[in-house]
Amino acid sequence: AIVEGLIFKEIEIIDEFPSWAKSQATGIDFGFTNDPT
């Protein structure tokens, strides 16, 4: 099947995170047993 109802229809894959990007920070979602952190 083809995945339907995608929220983010287009993303671009890049080689490196640009060091000059502004407002840099880390977002984190906690998990443990079955869900990853």
Full PDB file with SEQRES, HELIX, SHEET, SSBOND, CRYST1, ORIGX, SCALE, CONECT and MASTER records, all heavy atoms in Angstrom:
SEQRES   1 A   37  ALA ILE VAL GLU GLY LEU ILE PHE LYS GLU ILE GLU ILE          
SEQRES   2 A   37  ILE ASP GLU PHE PRO SER TRP ALA LYS SER GLN ALA THR          
SEQRES   3 A   37  GLY ILE ASP PHE GLY PHE THR ASN ASP PRO THR                  
CRYST1    1.000    1.000    1.000  90.00  90.00  90.00 P 1           1          
ORIGX1      1.000000  0.000000  0.000000        0.00000                         
ORIGX2      0.000000  1.000000  0.000000        0.00000                         
ORIGX3      0.000000  0.000000  1.000000        0.00000                         
SCALE1      1.000000  0.000000  0.000000        0.00000                         
SCALE2      0.000000  1.000000  0.000000        0.00000                         
SCALE3      0.000000  0.000000  1.000000        0.00000                         
ATOM      1  N   ALA A   1       0.852  -1.191   0.000  1.00  0.00           N  
ATOM      2  CA  ALA A   1       0.000   0.000   0.000  1.00  0.00           C  
ATOM      3  C   ALA A   1       0.885   1.238   0.000  1.00  0.00           C  
ATOM      4  O   ALA A   1       2.091   1.160   0.254  1.00  0.00           O  
ATOM      5  CB  ALA A   1      -0.917   0.013   1.223  1.00  0.00           C  
ATOM      6  N   ILE A   2       0.285   2.366  -0.295  1.00  0.00           N  
ATOM      7  CA  ILE A   2       0.973   3.658  -0.201  1.00  0.00           C  
ATOM      8  C   ILE A   2       0.460   4.362   1.042  1.00  0.00           C  
ATOM      9  O   ILE A   2      -0.743   4.380   1.309  1.00  0.00           O  
ATOM     10  CB  ILE A   2       0.697   4.517  -1.444  1.00  0.00           C  
ATOM     11  CG1 ILE A   2       1.219   3.817  -2.706  1.00  0.00           C  
ATOM     12  CG2 ILE A   2       1.333   5.898  -1.307  1.00  0.00           C  
ATOM     13  CD1 ILE A   2       0.856   4.527  -3.994  1.00  0.00           C  
ATOM     14  N   VAL A   3       1.372   4.925   1.812  1.00  0.00           N  
ATOM     15  CA  VAL A   3       0.967   5.638   3.032  1.00  0.00           C  
ATOM     16  C   VAL A   3       0.133   6.851   2.647  1.00  0.00           C  
ATOM     17  O   VAL A   3       0.566   7.703   1.869  1.00  0.00           O  
ATOM     18  CB  VAL A   3       2.198   6.069   3.854  1.00  0.00           C  
ATOM     19  CG1 VAL A   3       1.759   6.870   5.069  1.00  0.00           C  
ATOM     20  CG2 VAL A   3       3.011   4.867   4.279  1.00  0.00           C  
ATOM     21  N   GLU A   4      -1.069   6.916   3.193  1.00  0.00           N  
ATOM     22  CA  GLU A   4      -1.972   8.029   2.919  1.00  0.00           C  
ATOM     23  C   GLU A   4      -2.095   8.922   4.155  1.00  0.00           C  
ATOM     24  O   GLU A   4      -1.883   8.480   5.272  1.00  0.00           O  
ATOM     25  CB  GLU A   4      -3.356   7.498   2.520  1.00  0.00           C  
ATOM     26  CG  GLU A   4      -3.348   6.694   1.233  1.00  0.00           C  
ATOM     27  CD  GLU A   4      -4.716   6.137   0.895  1.00  0.00           C  
ATOM     28  OE1 GLU A   4      -5.600   6.156   1.784  1.00  0.00           O  
ATOM     29  OE2 GLU A   4      -4.908   5.683  -0.246  1.00  0.00           O  
ATOM     30  N   GLY A   5      -2.456  10.169   3.924  1.00  0.00           N  
ATOM     31  CA  GLY A   5      -2.693  11.088   5.028  1.00  0.00           C  
ATOM     32  C   GLY A   5      -1.445  11.638   5.679  1.00  0.00           C  
ATOM     33  O   GLY A   5      -1.487  12.072   6.843  1.00  0.00           O  
ATOM     34  N   LEU A   6      -0.315  11.633   4.942  1.00  0.00           N  
ATOM     35  CA  LEU A   6       0.929  12.147   5.525  1.00  0.00           C  
ATOM     36  C   LEU A   6       0.781  13.609   5.939  1.00  0.00           C  
ATOM     37  O   LEU A   6       0.219  14.423   5.205  1.00  0.00           O  
ATOM     38  CB  LEU A   6       2.078  12.030   4.523  1.00  0.00           C  
ATOM     39  CG  LEU A   6       2.736  10.658   4.362  1.00  0.00           C  
ATOM     40  CD1 LEU A   6       3.782  10.715   3.255  1.00  0.00           C  
ATOM     41  CD2 LEU A   6       3.383  10.213   5.662  1.00  0.00           C  
ATOM     42  N   ILE A   7       1.318  13.923   7.105  1.00  0.00           N  
ATOM     43  CA  ILE A   7       1.284  15.309   7.590  1.00  0.00           C  
ATOM     44  C   ILE A   7       2.395  16.123   6.939  1.00  0.00           C  
ATOM     45  O   ILE A   7       2.172  17.216   6.428  1.00  0.00           O  
ATOM     46  CB  ILE A   7       1.402  15.341   9.128  1.00  0.00           C  
ATOM     47  CG1 ILE A   7       0.169  14.676   9.759  1.00  0.00           C  
ATOM     48  CG2 ILE A   7       1.555  16.781   9.628  1.00  0.00           C  
ATOM     49  CD1 ILE A   7       0.229  14.544  11.258  1.00  0.00           C  
ATOM     50  N   PHE A   8       3.599  15.571   6.946  1.00  0.00           N  
ATOM     51  CA  PHE A   8       4.749  16.250   6.348  1.00  0.00           C  
ATOM     52  C   PHE A   8       5.040  15.575   5.006  1.00  0.00           C  
ATOM     53  O   PHE A   8       5.711  14.545   4.945  1.00  0.00           O  
ATOM     54  CB  PHE A   8       5.958  16.185   7.277  1.00  0.00           C  
ATOM     55  CG  PHE A   8       5.727  16.849   8.609  1.00  0.00           C  
ATOM     56  CD1 PHE A   8       5.335  16.095   9.710  1.00  0.00           C  
ATOM     57  CD2 PHE A   8       5.873  18.212   8.753  1.00  0.00           C  
ATOM     58  CE1 PHE A   8       5.114  16.697  10.938  1.00  0.00           C  
ATOM     59  CE2 PHE A   8       5.655  18.827   9.981  1.00  0.00           C  
ATOM     60  CZ  PHE A   8       5.271  18.067  11.078  1.00  0.00           C  
ATOM     61  N   LYS A   9       4.528  16.152   3.943  1.00  0.00           N  
ATOM     62  CA  LYS A   9       4.601  15.501   2.635  1.00  0.00           C  
ATOM     63  C   LYS A   9       5.974  15.610   1.994  1.00  0.00           C  
ATOM     64  O   LYS A   9       6.343  14.787   1.164  1.00  0.00           O  
ATOM     65  CB  LYS A   9       3.532  16.077   1.710  1.00  0.00           C  
ATOM     66  CG  LYS A   9       2.103  15.739   2.146  1.00  0.00           C  
ATOM     67  CD  LYS A   9       1.088  16.280   1.159  1.00  0.00           C  
ATOM     68  CE  LYS A   9      -0.319  15.779   1.476  1.00  0.00           C  
ATOM     69  NZ  LYS A   9      -0.794  16.192   2.800  1.00  0.00           N  
ATOM     70  N   GLU A  10       6.725  16.629   2.371  1.00  0.00           N  
ATOM     71  CA  GLU A  10       8.051  16.810   1.771  1.00  0.00           C  
ATOM     72  C   GLU A  10       9.078  17.151   2.841  1.00  0.00           C  
ATOM     73  O   GLU A  10       8.882  18.096   3.602  1.00  0.00           O  
ATOM     74  CB  GLU A  10       8.022  17.925   0.721  1.00  0.00           C  
ATOM     75  CG  GLU A  10       7.232  17.594  -0.532  1.00  0.00           C  
ATOM     76  CD  GLU A  10       7.335  18.695  -1.578  1.00  0.00           C  
ATOM     77  OE1 GLU A  10       8.264  19.520  -1.464  1.00  0.00           O  
ATOM     78  OE2 GLU A  10       6.498  18.734  -2.483  1.00  0.00           O  
ATOM     79  N   ILE A  11      10.145  16.376   2.884  1.00  0.00           N  
ATOM     80  CA  ILE A  11      11.317  16.737   3.686  1.00  0.00           C  
ATOM     81  C   ILE A  11      12.544  16.575   2.791  1.00  0.00           C  
ATOM     82  O   ILE A  11      12.528  15.787   1.851  1.00  0.00           O  
ATOM     83  CB  ILE A  11      11.459  15.863   4.958  1.00  0.00           C  
ATOM     84  CG1 ILE A  11      11.686  14.394   4.586  1.00  0.00           C  
ATOM     85  CG2 ILE A  11      10.270  16.024   5.877  1.00  0.00           C  
ATOM     86  CD1 ILE A  11      12.136  13.544   5.759  1.00  0.00           C  
ATOM     87  N   GLU A  12      13.563  17.332   3.080  1.00  0.00           N  
ATOM     88  CA  GLU A  12      14.795  17.238   2.302  1.00  0.00           C  
ATOM     89  C   GLU A  12      15.875  16.581   3.157  1.00  0.00           C  
ATOM     90  O   GLU A  12      16.062  16.947   4.322  1.00  0.00           O  
ATOM     91  CB  GLU A  12      15.261  18.621   1.857  1.00  0.00           C  
ATOM     92  CG  GLU A  12      16.530  18.593   1.009  1.00  0.00           C  
ATOM     93  CD  GLU A  12      17.007  19.981   0.612  1.00  0.00           C  
ATOM     94  OE1 GLU A  12      16.215  20.944   0.728  1.00  0.00           O  
ATOM     95  OE2 GLU A  12      18.178  20.104   0.200  1.00  0.00           O  
ATOM     96  N   ILE A  13      16.565  15.613   2.587  1.00  0.00           N  
ATOM     97  CA  ILE A  13      17.660  14.941   3.289  1.00  0.00           C  
ATOM     98  C   ILE A  13      18.957  15.682   2.975  1.00  0.00           C  
ATOM     99  O   ILE A  13      19.289  15.910   1.805  1.00  0.00           O  
ATOM    100  CB  ILE A  13      17.788  13.466   2.856  1.00  0.00           C  
ATOM    101  CG1 ILE A  13      16.432  12.761   2.937  1.00  0.00           C  
ATOM    102  CG2 ILE A  13      18.818  12.754   3.717  1.00  0.00           C  
ATOM    103  CD1 ILE A  13      15.803  12.763   4.294  1.00  0.00           C  
ATOM    104  N   ILE A  14      19.687  16.069   4.022  1.00  0.00           N  
ATOM    105  CA  ILE A  14      20.938  16.813   3.854  1.00  0.00           C  
ATOM    106  C   ILE A  14      22.087  16.048   4.514  1.00  0.00           C  
ATOM    107  O   ILE A  14      21.861  15.154   5.332  1.00  0.00           O  
ATOM    108  CB  ILE A  14      20.832  18.231   4.459  1.00  0.00           C  
ATOM    109  CG1 ILE A  14      20.499  18.146   5.957  1.00  0.00           C  
ATOM    110  CG2 ILE A  14      19.787  19.041   3.709  1.00  0.00           C  
ATOM    111  CD1 ILE A  14      20.504  19.481   6.676  1.00  0.00           C  
ATOM    112  N   ASP A  15      23.296  16.401   4.156  1.00  0.00           N  
ATOM    113  CA  ASP A  15      24.463  15.678   4.683  1.00  0.00           C  
ATOM    114  C   ASP A  15      24.827  16.090   6.108  1.00  0.00           C  
ATOM    115  O   ASP A  15      25.128  15.244   6.946  1.00  0.00           O  
ATOM    116  CB  ASP A  15      25.670  15.881   3.760  1.00  0.00           C  
ATOM    117  CG  ASP A  15      25.501  15.178   2.421  1.00  0.00           C  
ATOM    118  OD1 ASP A  15      24.850  14.112   2.399  1.00  0.00           O  
ATOM    119  OD2 ASP A  15      25.983  15.707   1.412  1.00  0.00           O  
ATOM    120  N   GLU A  16      24.796  17.393   6.385  1.00  0.00           N  
ATOM    121  CA  GLU A  16      25.257  17.889   7.680  1.00  0.00           C  
ATOM    122  C   GLU A  16      24.320  18.959   8.221  1.00  0.00           C  
ATOM    123  O   GLU A  16      23.700  19.707   7.457  1.00  0.00           O  
ATOM    124  CB  GLU A  16      26.673  18.484   7.566  1.00  0.00           C  
ATOM    125  CG  GLU A  16      27.742  17.513   7.077  1.00  0.00           C  
ATOM    126  CD  GLU A  16      28.103  16.471   8.108  1.00  0.00           C  
ATOM    127  OE1 GLU A  16      27.806  16.695   9.303  1.00  0.00           O  
ATOM    128  OE2 GLU A  16      28.687  15.436   7.735  1.00  0.00           O  
ATOM    129  N   PHE A  17      24.245  19.051   9.551  1.00  0.00           N  
ATOM    130  CA  PHE A  17      23.525  20.143  10.206  1.00  0.00           C  
ATOM    131  C   PHE A  17      24.382  21.404  10.103  1.00  0.00           C  
ATOM    132  O   PHE A  17      25.562  21.386  10.468  1.00  0.00           O  
ATOM    133  CB  PHE A  17      23.283  19.780  11.668  1.00  0.00           C  
ATOM    134  CG  PHE A  17      22.438  20.767  12.426  1.00  0.00           C  
ATOM    135  CD1 PHE A  17      21.080  20.560  12.582  1.00  0.00           C  
ATOM    136  CD2 PHE A  17      23.000  21.905  13.002  1.00  0.00           C  
ATOM    137  CE1 PHE A  17      20.292  21.457  13.286  1.00  0.00           C  
ATOM    138  CE2 PHE A  17      22.231  22.807  13.703  1.00  0.00           C  
ATOM    139  CZ  PHE A  17      20.862  22.583  13.844  1.00  0.00           C  
ATOM    140  N   PRO A  18      23.836  22.504   9.612  1.00  0.00           N  
ATOM    141  CA  PRO A  18      24.648  23.719   9.455  1.00  0.00           C  
ATOM    142  C   PRO A  18      24.998  24.350  10.805  1.00  0.00           C  
ATOM    143  O   PRO A  18      24.105  24.684  11.590  1.00  0.00           O  
ATOM    144  CB  PRO A  18      23.742  24.639   8.626  1.00  0.00           C  
ATOM    145  CG  PRO A  18      22.358  24.156   8.897  1.00  0.00           C  
ATOM    146  CD  PRO A  18      22.450  22.690   9.124  1.00  0.00           C  
ATOM    147  N   SER A  19      26.270  24.539  11.047  1.00  0.00           N  
ATOM    148  CA  SER A  19      26.724  25.056  12.345  1.00  0.00           C  
ATOM    149  C   SER A  19      26.281  26.495  12.576  1.00  0.00           C  
ATOM    150  O   SER A  19      26.243  26.957  13.715  1.00  0.00           O  
ATOM    151  CB  SER A  19      28.251  24.962  12.434  1.00  0.00           C  
ATOM    152  OG  SER A  19      28.857  25.699  11.384  1.00  0.00           O  
ATOM    153  N   TRP A  20      25.941  27.203  11.496  1.00  0.00           N  
ATOM    154  CA  TRP A  20      25.556  28.607  11.610  1.00  0.00           C  
ATOM    155  C   TRP A  20      24.046  28.805  11.800  1.00  0.00           C  
ATOM    156  O   TRP A  20      23.561  29.939  11.811  1.00  0.00           O  
ATOM    157  CB  TRP A  20      26.030  29.375  10.373  1.00  0.00           C  
ATOM    158  CG  TRP A  20      25.484  28.841   9.076  1.00  0.00           C  
ATOM    159  CD1 TRP A  20      24.354  29.255   8.425  1.00  0.00           C  
ATOM    160  CD2 TRP A  20      26.036  27.796   8.281  1.00  0.00           C  
ATOM    161  NE1 TRP A  20      24.161  28.527   7.280  1.00  0.00           N  
ATOM    162  CE2 TRP A  20      25.189  27.629   7.154  1.00  0.00           C  
ATOM    163  CE3 TRP A  20      27.171  26.983   8.391  1.00  0.00           C  
ATOM    164  CZ2 TRP A  20      25.435  26.671   6.171  1.00  0.00           C  
ATOM    165  CZ3 TRP A  20      27.409  26.037   7.401  1.00  0.00           C  
ATOM    166  CH2 TRP A  20      26.555  25.881   6.308  1.00  0.00           C  
ATOM    167  N   ALA A  21      23.319  27.718  11.945  1.00  0.00           N  
ATOM    168  CA  ALA A  21      21.869  27.839  12.156  1.00  0.00           C  
ATOM    169  C   ALA A  21      21.585  28.641  13.421  1.00  0.00           C  
ATOM    170  O   ALA A  21      22.304  28.549  14.419  1.00  0.00           O  
ATOM    171  CB  ALA A  21      21.238  26.461  12.251  1.00  0.00           C  
ATOM    172  N   LYS A  22      20.519  29.418  13.399  1.00  0.00           N  
ATOM    173  CA  LYS A  22      20.142  30.233  14.543  1.00  0.00           C  
ATOM    174  C   LYS A  22      19.206  29.479  15.479  1.00  0.00           C  
ATOM    175  O   LYS A  22      18.614  28.477  15.113  1.00  0.00           O  
ATOM    176  CB  LYS A  22      19.473  31.525  14.059  1.00  0.00           C  
ATOM    177  CG  LYS A  22      20.371  32.402  13.201  1.00  0.00           C  
ATOM    178  CD  LYS A  22      19.622  33.628  12.689  1.00  0.00           C  
ATOM    179  CE  LYS A  22      20.519  34.510  11.827  1.00  0.00           C  
ATOM    180  NZ  LYS A  22      19.782  35.670  11.278  1.00  0.00           N  
ATOM    181  N   SER A  23      19.084  29.996  16.700  1.00  0.00           N  
ATOM    182  CA  SER A  23      18.159  29.445  17.708  1.00  0.00           C  
ATOM    183  C   SER A  23      18.370  27.942  17.933  1.00  0.00           C  
ATOM    184  O   SER A  23      17.416  27.181  18.086  1.00  0.00           O  
ATOM    185  CB  SER A  23      16.701  29.708  17.291  1.00  0.00           C  
ATOM    186  OG  SER A  23      16.462  31.081  17.144  1.00  0.00           O  
ATOM    187  N   GLN A  24      19.616  27.523  17.962  1.00  0.00           N  
ATOM    188  CA  GLN A  24      19.893  26.104  18.135  1.00  0.00           C  
ATOM    189  C   GLN A  24      19.533  25.636  19.548  1.00  0.00           C  
ATOM    190  O   GLN A  24      19.806  26.315  20.541  1.00  0.00           O  
ATOM    191  CB  GLN A  24      21.365  25.802  17.857  1.00  0.00           C  
ATOM    192  CG  GLN A  24      21.767  25.955  16.413  1.00  0.00           C  
ATOM    193  CD  GLN A  24      23.184  25.472  16.150  1.00  0.00           C  
ATOM    194  OE1 GLN A  24      23.665  24.516  16.766  1.00  0.00           O  
ATOM    195  NE2 GLN A  24      23.864  26.116  15.223  1.00  0.00           N  
ATOM    196  N   ALA A  25      18.917  24.483  19.627  1.00  0.00           N  
ATOM    197  CA  ALA A  25      18.582  23.856  20.900  1.00  0.00           C  
ATOM    198  C   ALA A  25      18.242  22.400  20.625  1.00  0.00           C  
ATOM    199  O   ALA A  25      18.079  21.988  19.467  1.00  0.00           O  
ATOM    200  CB  ALA A  25      17.407  24.559  21.583  1.00  0.00           C  
ATOM    201  N   THR A  26      18.131  21.621  21.694  1.00  0.00           N  
ATOM    202  CA  THR A  26      17.756  20.213  21.582  1.00  0.00           C  
ATOM    203  C   THR A  26      16.328  20.025  22.060  1.00  0.00           C  
ATOM    204  O   THR A  26      15.956  20.509  23.128  1.00  0.00           O  
ATOM    205  CB  THR A  26      18.688  19.330  22.433  1.00  0.00           C  
ATOM    206  OG1 THR A  26      20.026  19.461  21.963  1.00  0.00           O  
ATOM    207  CG2 THR A  26      18.266  17.864  22.366  1.00  0.00           C  
ATOM    208  N   GLY A  27      15.531  19.325  21.270  1.00  0.00           N  
ATOM    209  CA  GLY A  27      14.205  18.896  21.713  1.00  0.00           C  
ATOM    210  C   GLY A  27      14.303  17.454  22.165  1.00  0.00           C  
ATOM    211  O   GLY A  27      15.017  16.658  21.547  1.00  0.00           O  
ATOM    212  N   ILE A  28      13.625  17.102  23.248  1.00  0.00           N  
ATOM    213  CA  ILE A  28      13.724  15.730  23.746  1.00  0.00           C  
ATOM    214  C   ILE A  28      12.358  15.191  24.162  1.00  0.00           C  
ATOM    215  O   ILE A  28      11.544  15.895  24.771  1.00  0.00           O  
ATOM    216  CB  ILE A  28      14.732  15.630  24.918  1.00  0.00           C  
ATOM    217  CG1 ILE A  28      15.024  14.167  25.267  1.00  0.00           C  
ATOM    218  CG2 ILE A  28      14.258  16.411  26.138  1.00  0.00           C  
ATOM    219  CD1 ILE A  28      16.243  13.993  26.162  1.00  0.00           C  
ATOM    220  N   ASP A  29      12.119  13.946  23.781  1.00  0.00           N  
ATOM    221  CA  ASP A  29      10.905  13.214  24.153  1.00  0.00           C  
ATOM    222  C   ASP A  29      11.350  11.994  24.956  1.00  0.00           C  
ATOM    223  O   ASP A  29      12.139  11.182  24.468  1.00  0.00           O  
ATOM    224  CB  ASP A  29      10.142  12.782  22.895  1.00  0.00           C  
ATOM    225  CG  ASP A  29       8.856  12.043  23.218  1.00  0.00           C  
ATOM    226  OD1 ASP A  29       8.036  12.600  23.967  1.00  0.00           O  
ATOM    227  OD2 ASP A  29       8.666  10.908  22.726  1.00  0.00           O  
ATOM    228  N   PHE A  30      10.865  11.862  26.182  1.00  0.00           N  
ATOM    229  CA  PHE A  30      11.328  10.790  27.069  1.00  0.00           C  
ATOM    230  C   PHE A  30      10.576   9.487  26.811  1.00  0.00           C  
ATOM    231  O   PHE A  30       9.374   9.474  26.547  1.00  0.00           O  
ATOM    232  CB  PHE A  30      11.149  11.190  28.542  1.00  0.00           C  
ATOM    233  CG  PHE A  30      11.911  12.423  28.930  1.00  0.00           C  
ATOM    234  CD1 PHE A  30      11.255  13.516  29.506  1.00  0.00           C  
ATOM    235  CD2 PHE A  30      13.275  12.508  28.732  1.00  0.00           C  
ATOM    236  CE1 PHE A  30      11.941  14.657  29.872  1.00  0.00           C  
ATOM    237  CE2 PHE A  30      13.982  13.649  29.088  1.00  0.00           C  
ATOM    238  CZ  PHE A  30      13.314  14.728  29.662  1.00  0.00           C  
ATOM    239  N   GLY A  31      11.292   8.383  26.916  1.00  0.00           N  
ATOM    240  CA  GLY A  31      10.708   7.041  26.838  1.00  0.00           C  
ATOM    241  C   GLY A  31      11.498   6.141  27.763  1.00  0.00           C  
ATOM    242  O   GLY A  31      12.350   6.592  28.511  1.00  0.00           O  
ATOM    243  N   PHE A  32      11.241   4.845  27.692  1.00  0.00           N  
ATOM    244  CA  PHE A  32      12.091   3.914  28.433  1.00  0.00           C  
ATOM    245  C   PHE A  32      11.983   2.488  27.893  1.00  0.00           C  
ATOM    246  O   PHE A  32      12.834   2.022  27.173  1.00  0.00           O  
ATOM    247  CB  PHE A  32      11.807   3.915  29.935  1.00  0.00           C  
ATOM    248  CG  PHE A  32      12.822   3.097  30.699  1.00  0.00           C  
ATOM    249  CD1 PHE A  32      14.130   3.546  30.822  1.00  0.00           C  
ATOM    250  CD2 PHE A  32      12.497   1.871  31.254  1.00  0.00           C  
ATOM    251  CE1 PHE A  32      15.094   2.787  31.482  1.00  0.00           C  
ATOM    252  CE2 PHE A  32      13.439   1.106  31.917  1.00  0.00           C  
ATOM    253  CZ  PHE A  32      14.737   1.574  32.035  1.00  0.00           C  
ATOM    254  N   THR A  33      10.910   1.777  28.211  1.00  0.00           N  
ATOM    255  CA  THR A  33      10.865   0.345  27.911  1.00  0.00           C  
ATOM    256  C   THR A  33      10.687   0.070  26.426  1.00  0.00           C  
ATOM    257  O   THR A  33      11.590  -0.463  25.771  1.00  0.00           O  
ATOM    258  CB  THR A  33       9.730  -0.334  28.704  1.00  0.00           C  
ATOM    259  OG1 THR A  33       9.905  -0.047  30.095  1.00  0.00           O  
ATOM    260  CG2 THR A  33       9.765  -1.843  28.501  1.00  0.00           C  
ATOM    261  N   ASN A  34       9.536   0.399  25.877  1.00  0.00           N  
ATOM    262  CA  ASN A  34       9.282   0.163  24.461  1.00  0.00           C  
ATOM    263  C   ASN A  34       9.431   1.421  23.627  1.00  0.00           C  
ATOM    264  O   ASN A  34       9.820   1.368  22.464  1.00  0.00           O  
ATOM    265  CB  ASN A  34       7.880  -0.419  24.266  1.00  0.00           C  
ATOM    266  CG  ASN A  34       7.744  -1.798  24.882  1.00  0.00           C  
ATOM    267  OD1 ASN A  34       8.593  -2.662  24.696  1.00  0.00           O  
ATOM    268  ND2 ASN A  34       6.678  -2.007  25.645  1.00  0.00           N  
ATOM    269  N   ASP A  35       9.113   2.575  24.218  1.00  0.00           N  
ATOM    270  CA  ASP A  35       9.273   3.844  23.516  1.00  0.00           C  
ATOM    271  C   ASP A  35      10.682   4.380  23.750  1.00  0.00           C  
ATOM    272  O   ASP A  35      11.174   4.377  24.883  1.00  0.00           O  
ATOM    273  CB  ASP A  35       8.265   4.874  24.016  1.00  0.00           C  
ATOM    274  CG  ASP A  35       6.845   4.514  23.629  1.00  0.00           C  
ATOM    275  OD1 ASP A  35       6.678   3.732  22.675  1.00  0.00           O  
ATOM    276  OD2 ASP A  35       5.911   5.007  24.287  1.00  0.00           O  
ATOM    277  N   PRO A  36      11.327   4.859  22.702  1.00  0.00           N  
ATOM    278  CA  PRO A  36      12.686   5.382  22.875  1.00  0.00           C  
ATOM    279  C   PRO A  36      12.682   6.786  23.471  1.00  0.00           C  
ATOM    280  O   PRO A  36      11.693   7.514  23.388  1.00  0.00           O  
ATOM    281  CB  PRO A  36      13.208   5.424  21.439  1.00  0.00           C  
ATOM    282  CG  PRO A  36      11.985   5.693  20.624  1.00  0.00           C  
ATOM    283  CD  PRO A  36      10.872   4.931  21.307  1.00  0.00           C  
ATOM    284  N   THR A  37      13.788   7.140  24.078  1.00  0.00           N  
ATOM    285  CA  THR A  37      14.058   8.546  24.380  1.00  0.00           C  
ATOM    286  C   THR A  37      14.700   9.125  23.129  1.00  0.00           C  
ATOM    287  O   THR A  37      15.712   8.618  22.648  1.00  0.00           O  
ATOM    288  CB  THR A  37      15.000   8.692  25.577  1.00  0.00           C  
ATOM    289  OG1 THR A  37      14.343   8.200  26.753  1.00  0.00           O  
ATOM    290  CG2 THR A  37      15.394  10.149  25.785  1.00  0.00           C  
TER     291      THR A  37                                                      
MASTER        0    0    0    0    0    0    0    6  290    1    0    3          
END                                                                             
